[in-house]
C-alpha atoms as a PDB file:
ATOM      1  CA  MET A   1      -0.070  -0.232  -0.287  1.00  0.00           C
ATOM      2  CA  PRO A   2       1.135   3.560  -1.064  1.00  0.00           C
ATOM      3  CA  ARG A   3       2.011   5.319   2.061  1.00  0.00           C
ATOM      4  CA  HIS A   4       1.879   8.929   3.526  1.00  0.00           C
ATOM      5  CA  TYR A   5       4.715  10.241   5.444  1.00  0.00           C
ATOM      6  CA  VAL A   6       5.986  13.761   6.909  1.00  0.00           C
ATOM      7  CA  MET A   7       9.469  14.006   7.259  1.00  0.00           C
ATOM      8  CA  CYS A   8      11.621  17.415   8.111  1.00  0.00           C
ATOM      9  CA  PRO A   9      15.152  17.786   6.975  1.00  0.00           C
ATOM     10  CA  PRO A  10      17.922  17.910   9.672  1.00  0.00           C
ATOM     11  CA  ARG A  11      19.313  21.410   8.544  1.00  0.00           C
ATOM     12  CA  TYR A  12      20.100  22.274  12.056  1.00  0.00           C
ATOM     13  CA  PHE A  13      20.840  18.952  13.218  1.00  0.00           C
ATOM     14  CA  ALA A  14      23.330  18.942  16.306  1.00  0.00           C
ATOM     15  CA  VAL A  15      23.727  16.931  19.665  1.00  0.00           C
ATOM     16  CA  ASP A  16      24.224  20.255  22.103  1.00  0.00           C
ATOM     17  CA  TYR A  17      22.689  18.324  24.676  1.00  0.00           C
ATOM     18  CA  ALA A  18      21.732  14.774  26.240  1.00  0.00           C
ATOM     19  CA  ILE A  19      18.245  13.892  26.913  1.00  0.00           C
ATOM     20  CA  ASN A  20      18.398   9.943  25.935  1.00  0.00           C
ATOM     21  CA  PRO A  21      21.587   7.473  26.770  1.00  0.00           C
ATOM     22  CA  TRP A  22      22.447   7.795  23.105  1.00  0.00           C
ATOM     23  CA  MET A  23      23.432  11.373  23.091  1.00  0.00           C
ATOM     24  CA  ASP A  24      27.094  12.684  24.089  1.00  0.00           C
ATOM     25  CA  PRO A  25      27.582  16.255  23.091  1.00  0.00           C
ATOM     26  CA  GLY A  26      31.436  15.738  23.517  1.00  0.00           C
ATOM     27  CA  VAL A  27      30.760  13.461  20.129  1.00  0.00           C
ATOM     28  CA  PRO A  28      31.267  15.297  16.961  1.00  0.00           C
ATOM     29  CA  VAL A  29      28.335  15.270  14.566  1.00  0.00           C
ATOM     30  CA  ASP A  30      28.380  16.157  11.007  1.00  0.00           C
ATOM     31  CA  PRO A  31      25.366  17.736  10.209  1.00  0.00           C
ATOM     32  CA  GLU A  32      26.223  17.418   6.140  1.00  0.00           C
ATOM     33  CA  ARG A  33      26.122  13.476   6.477  1.00  0.00           C
ATOM     34  CA  ALA A  34      22.994  13.552   8.471  1.00  0.00           C
ATOM     35  CA  LEU A  35      21.503  15.339   6.099  1.00  0.00           C
ATOM     36  CA  HIS A  36      22.712  13.309   3.184  1.00  0.00           C
ATOM     37  CA  GLN A  37      21.453  10.210   5.410  1.00  0.00           C
ATOM     38  CA  TRP A  38      17.971  11.811   5.955  1.00  0.00           C
ATOM     39  CA  THR A  39      18.190  12.690   2.016  1.00  0.00           C
ATOM     40  CA  GLU A  40      18.583   9.219   1.331  1.00  0.00           C
ATOM     41  CA  LEU A  41      15.821   7.737   3.632  1.00  0.00           C
ATOM     42  CA  ARG A  42      13.469  10.273   2.285  1.00  0.00           C
ATOM     43  CA  ASP A  43      14.249   9.233  -1.622  1.00  0.00           C
ATOM     44  CA  THR A  44      13.889   5.850  -0.499  1.00  0.00           C
ATOM     45  CA  TYR A  45      10.526   6.288   0.609  1.00  0.00           C
ATOM     46  CA  ARG A  46       9.811   7.995  -2.936  1.00  0.00           C
ATOM     47  CA  ARG A  47      11.116   5.340  -4.666  1.00  0.00           C
ATOM     48  CA  LEU A  48       9.007   2.788  -2.772  1.00  0.00           C
ATOM     49  CA  GLY A  49       5.938   4.698  -4.342  1.00  0.00           C
ATOM     50  CA  HIS A  50       5.525   6.542  -1.318  1.00  0.00           C
ATOM     51  CA  LEU A  51       4.261  10.278  -0.641  1.00  0.00           C
ATOM     52  CA  VAL A  52       6.550  12.412   1.488  1.00  0.00           C
ATOM     53  CA  ASP A  53       5.873  16.028   2.755  1.00  0.00           C
ATOM     54  CA  GLU A  54       8.199  18.311   4.449  1.00  0.00           C
ATOM     55  CA  VAL A  55       8.109  20.642   7.589  1.00  0.00           C
ATOM     56  CA  GLU A  56      10.106  23.383   7.492  1.00  0.00           C
ATOM     57  CA  PRO A  57      13.089  23.108  10.023  1.00  0.00           C
ATOM     58  CA  GLN A  58      13.418  25.746  12.594  1.00  0.00           C
ATOM     59  CA  PRO A  59      16.664  27.016  14.288  1.00  0.00           C
ATOM     60  CA  GLY A  60      17.385  26.480  17.572  1.00  0.00           C
ATOM     61  CA  LEU A  61      15.377  22.933  17.189  1.00  0.00           C
ATOM     62  CA  PRO A  62      18.126  20.348  15.983  1.00  0.00           C
ATOM     63  CA  ASP A  63      15.685  17.459  16.895  1.00  0.00           C
ATOM     64  CA  MET A  64      13.061  18.620  14.800  1.00  0.00           C
ATOM     65  CA  VAL A  65      14.224  16.131  12.349  1.00  0.00           C
ATOM     66  CA  PHE A  66      12.510  13.458  14.477  1.00  0.00           C
ATOM     67  CA  ALA A  67       9.301  13.989  12.998  1.00  0.00           C
ATOM     68  CA  ALA A  68       7.503  10.968  14.201  1.00  0.00           C
ATOM     69  CA  ASN A  69       7.685  12.605  17.961  1.00  0.00           C
ATOM     70  CA  SER A  70       5.174  15.425  16.914  1.00  0.00           C
ATOM     71  CA  GLY A  71       1.961  13.705  15.701  1.00  0.00           C
ATOM     72  CA  THR A  72      -0.228  10.578  15.739  1.00  0.00           C
ATOM     73  CA  VAL A  73      -2.829  10.598  12.777  1.00  0.00           C
ATOM     74  CA  VAL A  74      -5.226   7.920  12.506  1.00  0.00           C
ATOM     75  CA  ASP A  75      -8.399   8.446  10.201  1.00  0.00           C
ATOM     76  CA  GLY A  76      -7.532  11.515   9.690  1.00  0.00           C
ATOM     77  CA  ARG A  77      -7.642  12.898  13.381  1.00  0.00           C
ATOM     78  CA  VAL A  78      -4.407  14.283  14.553  1.00  0.00           C
ATOM     79  CA  LEU A  79      -3.215  14.195  18.112  1.00  0.00           C
ATOM     80  CA  GLY A  80      -0.374  16.488  18.842  1.00  0.00           C
ATOM     81  CA  ALA A  81       2.270  16.001  21.009  1.00  0.00           C
ATOM     82  CA  LYS A  82       3.504  17.338  24.292  1.00  0.00           C
ATOM     83  CA  PHE A  83       6.782  17.068  24.917  1.00  0.00           C
ATOM     84  CA  ALA A  84       8.755  15.620  28.486  1.00  0.00           C
ATOM     85  CA  THR A  85      11.716  17.526  27.791  1.00  0.00           C
ATOM     86  CA  SER A  86      12.062  21.398  27.526  1.00  0.00           C
ATOM     87  CA  GLN A  87      14.779  21.113  24.585  1.00  0.00           C
ATOM     88  CA  ARG A  88      11.806  19.905  22.286  1.00  0.00           C
ATOM     89  CA  ALA A  89       8.696  21.949  23.557  1.00  0.00           C
ATOM     90  CA  ALA A  90       8.736  24.204  20.826  1.00  0.00           C
ATOM     91  CA  GLU A  91       8.719  21.522  18.433  1.00  0.00           C
ATOM     92  CA  ALA A  92       5.095  20.581  19.055  1.00  0.00           C
ATOM     93  CA  GLU A  93       3.500  24.213  17.783  1.00  0.00           C
ATOM     94  CA  HIS A  94       5.551  24.485  14.391  1.00  0.00           C
ATOM     95  CA  PHE A  95       4.080  20.784  13.523  1.00  0.00           C
ATOM     96  CA  ARG A  96       0.145  21.794  14.829  1.00  0.00           C
ATOM     97  CA  ARG A  97       0.700  24.740  12.291  1.00  0.00           C
ATOM     98  CA  TRP A  98       1.706  22.444   9.316  1.00  0.00           C
ATOM     99  CA  PHE A  99      -1.327  20.574  10.204  1.00  0.00           C
ATOM    100  CA  VAL A 100      -3.499  23.208  10.110  1.00  0.00           C
ATOM    101  CA  GLU A 101      -2.113  25.058   7.124  1.00  0.00           C
ATOM    102  CA  ASN A 102      -2.524  21.601   5.135  1.00  0.00           C
ATOM    103  CA  GLY A 103      -6.055  21.487   5.611  1.00  0.00           C
ATOM    104  CA  PHE A 104      -6.354  18.985   8.462  1.00  0.00           C
ATOM    105  CA  ARG A 105      -9.354  20.193  10.554  1.00  0.00           C
ATOM    106  CA  ASP A 106      -9.526  17.713  13.506  1.00  0.00           C
ATOM    107  CA  VAL A 107      -6.435  18.527  15.202  1.00  0.00           C
ATOM    108  CA  THR A 108      -6.270  18.226  19.268  1.00  0.00           C
ATOM    109  CA  MET A 109      -3.305  19.405  21.231  1.00  0.00           C
ATOM    110  CA  PRO A 110      -2.833  17.071  24.599  1.00  0.00           C
ATOM    111  CA  GLN A 111      -3.278  17.679  28.057  1.00  0.00           C
ATOM    112  CA  GLU A 112      -0.735  14.999  29.168  1.00  0.00           C
ATOM    113  CA  THR A 113       2.691  14.561  28.207  1.00  0.00           C
ATOM    114  CA  ASN A 114       2.896  12.290  24.974  1.00  0.00           C
ATOM    115  CA  GLU A 115       5.592  12.354  22.161  1.00  0.00           C
ATOM    116  CA  ALA A 116       3.425  11.015  19.659  1.00  0.00           C
ATOM    117  CA  GLU A 117       4.520   8.345  16.971  1.00  0.00           C
ATOM    118  CA  GLY A 118       7.349   7.802  19.482  1.00  0.00           C
ATOM    119  CA  ASP A 119       5.315   6.089  21.805  1.00  0.00           C
ATOM    120  CA  PHE A 120       2.154   5.581  19.850  1.00  0.00           C
ATOM    121  CA  THR A 121       1.954   2.488  17.403  1.00  0.00           C
ATOM    122  CA  TRP A 122      -1.000   2.229  15.146  1.00  0.00           C
ATOM    123  CA  THR A 123      -1.621  -1.709  13.952  1.00  0.00           C
ATOM    124  CA  GLY A 124      -4.424  -1.688  12.284  1.00  0.00           C
ATOM    125  CA  HIS A 125      -6.906  -2.510  14.880  1.00  0.00           C
ATOM    126  CA  LEU A 126      -5.777  -0.661  18.414  1.00  0.00           C
ATOM    127  CA  LEU A 127      -3.045   1.772  19.162  1.00  0.00           C
ATOM    128  CA  LEU A 128      -0.057   0.236  21.258  1.00  0.00           C
ATOM    129  CA  ALA A 129       0.910   2.755  23.485  1.00  0.00           C
ATOM    130  CA  GLY A 130       4.305   3.229  25.385  1.00  0.00           C
ATOM    131  CA  THR A 131       5.195   4.801  28.848  1.00  0.00           C
ATOM    132  CA  GLY A 132       8.148   4.374  31.221  1.00  0.00           C
ATOM    133  CA  PHE A 133      10.464   7.278  30.347  1.00  0.00           C
ATOM    134  CA  ARG A 134       8.537  10.119  27.986  1.00  0.00           C
ATOM    135  CA  THR A 135       4.731   9.478  27.539  1.00  0.00           C
ATOM    136  CA  ASP A 136       2.628   9.811  30.881  1.00  0.00           C
ATOM    137  CA  PRO A 137       0.336   6.949  30.996  1.00  0.00           C
ATOM    138  CA  LYS A 138      -2.446   9.274  31.399  1.00  0.00           C
ATOM    139  CA  ALA A 139      -1.893  10.242  28.115  1.00  0.00           C
ATOM    140  CA  HIS A 140      -3.008   6.749  26.975  1.00  0.00           C
ATOM    141  CA  ALA A 141      -6.301   7.394  28.050  1.00  0.00           C
ATOM    142  CA  GLU A 142      -6.636  10.694  25.987  1.00  0.00           C
ATOM    143  CA  ALA A 143      -5.437   9.188  23.248  1.00  0.00           C
ATOM    144  CA  GLN A 144      -8.036   7.082  23.177  1.00  0.00           C
ATOM    145  CA  GLU A 145     -11.072   9.566  23.591  1.00  0.00           C
ATOM    146  CA  VAL A 146      -9.194  12.047  20.789  1.00  0.00           C
ATOM    147  CA  LEU A 147      -8.549   9.326  18.321  1.00  0.00           C
ATOM    148  CA  GLY A 148     -11.508   6.748  18.996  1.00  0.00           C
ATOM    149  CA  VAL A 149      -9.685   3.485  19.006  1.00  0.00           C
ATOM    150  CA  PRO A 150      -9.133   1.021  21.306  1.00  0.00           C
ATOM    151  CA  VAL A 151      -5.258   1.567  23.308  1.00  0.00           C
ATOM    152  CA  VAL A 152      -3.200  -0.960  24.775  1.00  0.00           C
ATOM    153  CA  SER A 153      -0.732   0.193  27.494  1.00  0.00           C
ATOM    154  CA  LEU A 154       3.106  -1.009  27.470  1.00  0.00           C
ATOM    155  CA  THR A 155       5.942  -0.347  30.131  1.00  0.00           C
ATOM    156  CA  LEU A 156       9.417   0.304  28.673  1.00  0.00           C
ATOM    157  CA  VAL A 157      12.160  -0.795  31.277  1.00  0.00           C
ATOM    158  CA  ASP A 158      15.234  -0.271  29.518  1.00  0.00           C
ATOM    159  CA  PRO A 159      16.419   3.260  29.254  1.00  0.00           C
ATOM    160  CA  ARG A 160      18.201   2.909  26.070  1.00  0.00           C
ATOM    161  CA  TYR A 161      14.973   2.052  24.669  1.00  0.00           C
ATOM    162  CA  TYR A 162      12.951   5.438  25.836  1.00  0.00           C
ATOM    163  CA  HIS A 163      10.325   5.201  23.183  1.00  0.00           C
ATOM    164  CA  LEU A 164       8.166   2.477  22.117  1.00  0.00           C
ATOM    165  CA  ASP A 165       9.642   2.817  18.526  1.00  0.00           C
ATOM    166  CA  THR A 166      13.160   2.045  19.405  1.00  0.00           C
ATOM    167  CA  ALA A 167      11.522  -1.582  20.759  1.00  0.00           C
ATOM    168  CA  LEU A 168       8.581  -2.579  18.218  1.00  0.00           C
ATOM    169  CA  PHE A 169       7.430  -1.913  14.837  1.00  0.00           C
ATOM    170  CA  VAL A 170       4.799  -2.912  12.569  1.00  0.00           C
ATOM    171  CA  LEU A 171       5.560  -5.133   9.331  1.00  0.00           C
ATOM    172  CA  SER A 172       1.886  -5.265   8.397  1.00  0.00           C
ATOM    173  CA  GLU A 173      -1.229  -3.529   9.784  1.00  0.00           C
ATOM    174  CA  ALA A 174      -4.133  -5.819  10.671  1.00  0.00           C
ATOM    175  CA  SER A 175      -7.101  -6.185   8.409  1.00  0.00           C
ATOM    176  CA  ASP A 176     -10.617  -7.552   8.453  1.00  0.00           C
ATOM    177  CA  ASP A 177      -9.061 -11.030   7.538  1.00  0.00           C
ATOM    178  CA  ARG A 178      -5.600 -11.162   9.250  1.00  0.00           C
ATOM    179  CA  PRO A 179      -4.150 -10.085  12.509  1.00  0.00           C
ATOM    180  CA  ALA A 180      -0.951  -7.394  12.780  1.00  0.00           C
ATOM    181  CA  HIS A 181       2.293  -8.754  12.419  1.00  0.00           C
ATOM    182  CA  VAL A 182       5.141  -6.781  14.565  1.00  0.00           C
ATOM    183  CA  ALA A 183       8.649  -7.039  15.434  1.00  0.00           C
ATOM    184  CA  TYR A 184       9.682  -6.589  19.051  1.00  0.00           C
ATOM    185  CA  TYR A 185      13.036  -6.603  21.212  1.00  0.00           C
ATOM    186  CA  PRO A 186      11.374  -8.389  24.706  1.00  0.00           C
ATOM    187  CA  ASP A 187      13.975  -7.237  27.219  1.00  0.00           C
ATOM    188  CA  ALA A 188      12.916  -3.713  26.387  1.00  0.00           C
ATOM    189  CA  PHE A 189       9.578  -4.408  27.898  1.00  0.00           C
ATOM    190  CA  SER A 190       8.405  -5.305  31.697  1.00  0.00           C
ATOM    191  CA  VAL A 191       7.061  -8.668  32.367  1.00  0.00           C
ATOM    192  CA  GLY A 192       3.804  -7.799  32.183  1.00  0.00           C
ATOM    193  CA  SER A 193       3.999  -5.972  29.147  1.00  0.00           C
ATOM    194  CA  ARG A 194       6.119  -8.963  27.318  1.00  0.00           C
ATOM    195  CA  LYS A 195       3.117 -11.601  28.250  1.00  0.00           C
ATOM    196  CA  VAL A 196       0.768  -8.860  26.646  1.00  0.00           C
ATOM    197  CA  LEU A 197       2.652  -8.840  23.382  1.00  0.00           C
ATOM    198  CA  SER A 198       3.091 -12.745  23.669  1.00  0.00           C
ATOM    199  CA  ARG A 199      -0.782 -13.150  23.559  1.00  0.00           C
ATOM    200  CA  LEU A 200      -1.816 -10.209  21.088  1.00  0.00           C
ATOM    201  CA  PHE A 201       1.135 -11.026  18.835  1.00  0.00           C
ATOM    202  CA  PRO A 202       2.013 -14.870  19.153  1.00  0.00           C
ATOM    203  CA  ASP A 203       3.507 -15.034  15.596  1.00  0.00           C
ATOM    204  CA  ALA A 204       5.620 -11.933  16.147  1.00  0.00           C
ATOM    205  CA  VAL A 205       9.422 -11.705  14.741  1.00  0.00           C
ATOM    206  CA  VAL A 206      11.547 -11.616  18.031  1.00  0.00           C
ATOM    207  CA  ALA A 207      14.751  -9.309  17.829  1.00  0.00           C
ATOM    208  CA  ASP A 208      17.668  -9.782  19.917  1.00  0.00           C
ATOM    209  CA  ALA A 209      20.352  -7.434  21.497  1.00  0.00           C
ATOM    210  CA  ASP A 210      21.977  -6.826  18.712  1.00  0.00           C
ATOM    211  CA  ASP A 211      19.113  -5.930  16.310  1.00  0.00           C
ATOM    212  CA  ALA A 212      17.932  -3.561  19.157  1.00  0.00           C
ATOM    213  CA  ALA A 213      21.402  -2.090  19.981  1.00  0.00           C
ATOM    214  CA  CYS A 214      21.301  -0.875  15.844  1.00  0.00           C
ATOM    215  CA  PHE A 215      17.930   0.679  15.805  1.00  0.00           C
ATOM    216  CA  GLY A 216      16.680  -2.026  13.854  1.00  0.00           C
ATOM    217  CA  LEU A 217      13.696  -1.902  15.561  1.00  0.00           C
ATOM    218  CA  ASN A 218      13.136   1.738  14.863  1.00  0.00           C
ATOM    219  CA  ALA A 219      12.375   0.437  10.964  1.00  0.00           C
ATOM    220  CA  ILE A 220       9.540   1.305   8.826  1.00  0.00           C
ATOM    221  CA  SER A 221       7.506  -1.353   6.665  1.00  0.00           C
ATOM    222  CA  ASP A 222       4.898  -0.766   4.239  1.00  0.00           C
ATOM    223  CA  GLY A 223       3.621  -4.147   4.246  1.00  0.00           C
ATOM    224  CA  ARG A 224       6.102  -5.601   2.302  1.00  0.00           C
ATOM    225  CA  ASN A 225       9.320  -3.477   2.351  1.00  0.00           C
ATOM    226  CA  VAL A 226      10.853  -2.978   5.381  1.00  0.00           C
ATOM    227  CA  VAL A 227      13.418   0.449   5.906  1.00  0.00           C
ATOM    228  CA  LEU A 228      15.971  -0.461   8.591  1.00  0.00           C
ATOM    229  CA  PRO A 229      19.504   0.486   9.475  1.00  0.00           C
ATOM    230  CA  VAL A 230      21.883  -1.206   6.944  1.00  0.00           C
ATOM    231  CA  GLU A 231      23.803  -2.930  10.455  1.00  0.00           C
ATOM    232  CA  ALA A 232      20.436  -4.576  11.318  1.00  0.00           C
ATOM    233  CA  THR A 233      21.648  -7.447   8.920  1.00  0.00           C
ATOM    234  CA  ALA A 234      20.320 -10.229  11.357  1.00  0.00           C
ATOM    235  CA  LEU A 235      16.832  -8.902  11.899  1.00  0.00           C
ATOM    236  CA  ALA A 236      16.453  -8.590   8.065  1.00  0.00           C
ATOM    237  CA  GLU A 237      17.030 -11.954   7.765  1.00  0.00           C
ATOM    238  CA  LYS A 238      14.101 -12.526  10.329  1.00  0.00           C
ATOM    239  CA  VAL A 239      11.779 -10.410   8.544  1.00  0.00           C
ATOM    240  CA  ALA A 240      13.124 -11.800   5.107  1.00  0.00           C
ATOM    241  CA  ALA A 241      12.034 -15.518   6.089  1.00  0.00           C
ATOM    242  CA  HIS A 242       8.260 -14.010   6.893  1.00  0.00           C
ATOM    243  CA  GLY A 243       8.507 -12.923   2.971  1.00  0.00           C
ATOM    244  CA  TYR A 244       9.027  -9.008   3.551  1.00  0.00           C
ATOM    245  CA  GLU A 245      11.876  -7.235   1.668  1.00  0.00           C
ATOM    246  CA  PRO A 246      14.634  -5.665   3.790  1.00  0.00           C
ATOM    247  CA  VAL A 247      15.603  -2.275   2.235  1.00  0.00           C
ATOM    248  CA  PHE A 248      18.797  -1.142   4.115  1.00  0.00           C
ATOM    249  CA  VAL A 249      19.561   2.759   4.985  1.00  0.00           C
ATOM    250  CA  ASP A 250      22.685   4.509   6.415  1.00  0.00           C
ATOM    251  CA  ILE A 251      21.561   6.258   9.597  1.00  0.00           C
ATOM    252  CA  SER A 252      24.581   6.142  11.734  1.00  0.00           C
ATOM    253  CA  GLU A 253      24.867   9.997  12.234  1.00  0.00           C
ATOM    254  CA  LEU A 254      21.297  10.401  12.976  1.00  0.00           C
ATOM    255  CA  ARG A 255      21.641   7.487  15.261  1.00  0.00           C
ATOM    256  CA  LYS A 256      24.079  10.038  17.447  1.00  0.00           C
ATOM    257  CA  ALA A 257      21.045  11.435  18.691  1.00  0.00           C
ATOM    258  CA  GLY A 258      19.092   8.712  19.553  1.00  0.00           C
ATOM    259  CA  GLY A 259      17.060   8.495  16.158  1.00  0.00           C
ATOM    260  CA  GLY A 260      16.534   6.162  13.135  1.00  0.00           C
ATOM    261  CA  PRO A 261      14.258   5.690   9.853  1.00  0.00           C
ATOM    262  CA  LYS A 262      11.213   5.942  12.076  1.00  0.00           C
ATOM    263  CA  CYS A 263      12.177   8.249  14.398  1.00  0.00           C
ATOM    264  CA  CYS A 264      12.413  10.358  11.152  1.00  0.00           C
ATOM    265  CA  THR A 265       8.921   9.455   9.588  1.00  0.00           C
ATOM    266  CA  MET A 266       5.291  10.698  10.939  1.00  0.00           C
ATOM    267  CA  GLU A 267       2.847   8.674   9.200  1.00  0.00           C
ATOM    268  CA  ILE A 268      -0.635  10.244   7.605  1.00  0.00           C
ATOM    269  CA  ARG A 269      -3.398   7.727   8.201  1.00  0.00           C
ATOM    270  CA  LYS A 270      -6.493   9.583   6.699  1.00  0.00           C
END
């Protein structure tokens, strides 16, 4: 299925602060290389037949490139973001304006802290909602009310995987005649959440520590093609065994800020 994505170029990309375990302001960052990697990711989506819109980046907001954290869109309804960290707070308003300027009429800005598709993953029938490090658990009920879809809460326990989208992604969405198919890294979740995932997705692709450490789970799938980091070779073999087509991209520079393909990509579902 052709997809509709929203991205933001890393024109002002930098690691000037540390708000996750991957960020180290003492490690040099190459903005030109980051922009090249981002451009290749965007062009990969377009080569696969997907629509990509771009949001204008803003000076002083180096993490704005991680567009997934600024909105959740299901059936054309938009739930904006409210960031947990002050460094990223201003991003939410820029994305809200983009939605309004691009014809979205049903846009709600949240009362509770949520980092959008960083912690909200649509499976086709329900919304998986992460908490533990960024998104407030009260935001899960708010998402259910605003988006009008069932929500299942999952607790993250490893600070390296501080967002749900670093530990789980949907390979193919649920339809009327088949369940969703997902991949996830069990050790990123609490014991109870692992049991929930096992019940909901008994045929899931189970990733290992190496898959997770290279941000292999921060992948994008259109139901056939799976765009994932070039280092995620073992995970690529696993998804290929299930009939998917791995598509590798280099996100090594963006990973210095704790981001990967999915972090850079918000999906519009109308």
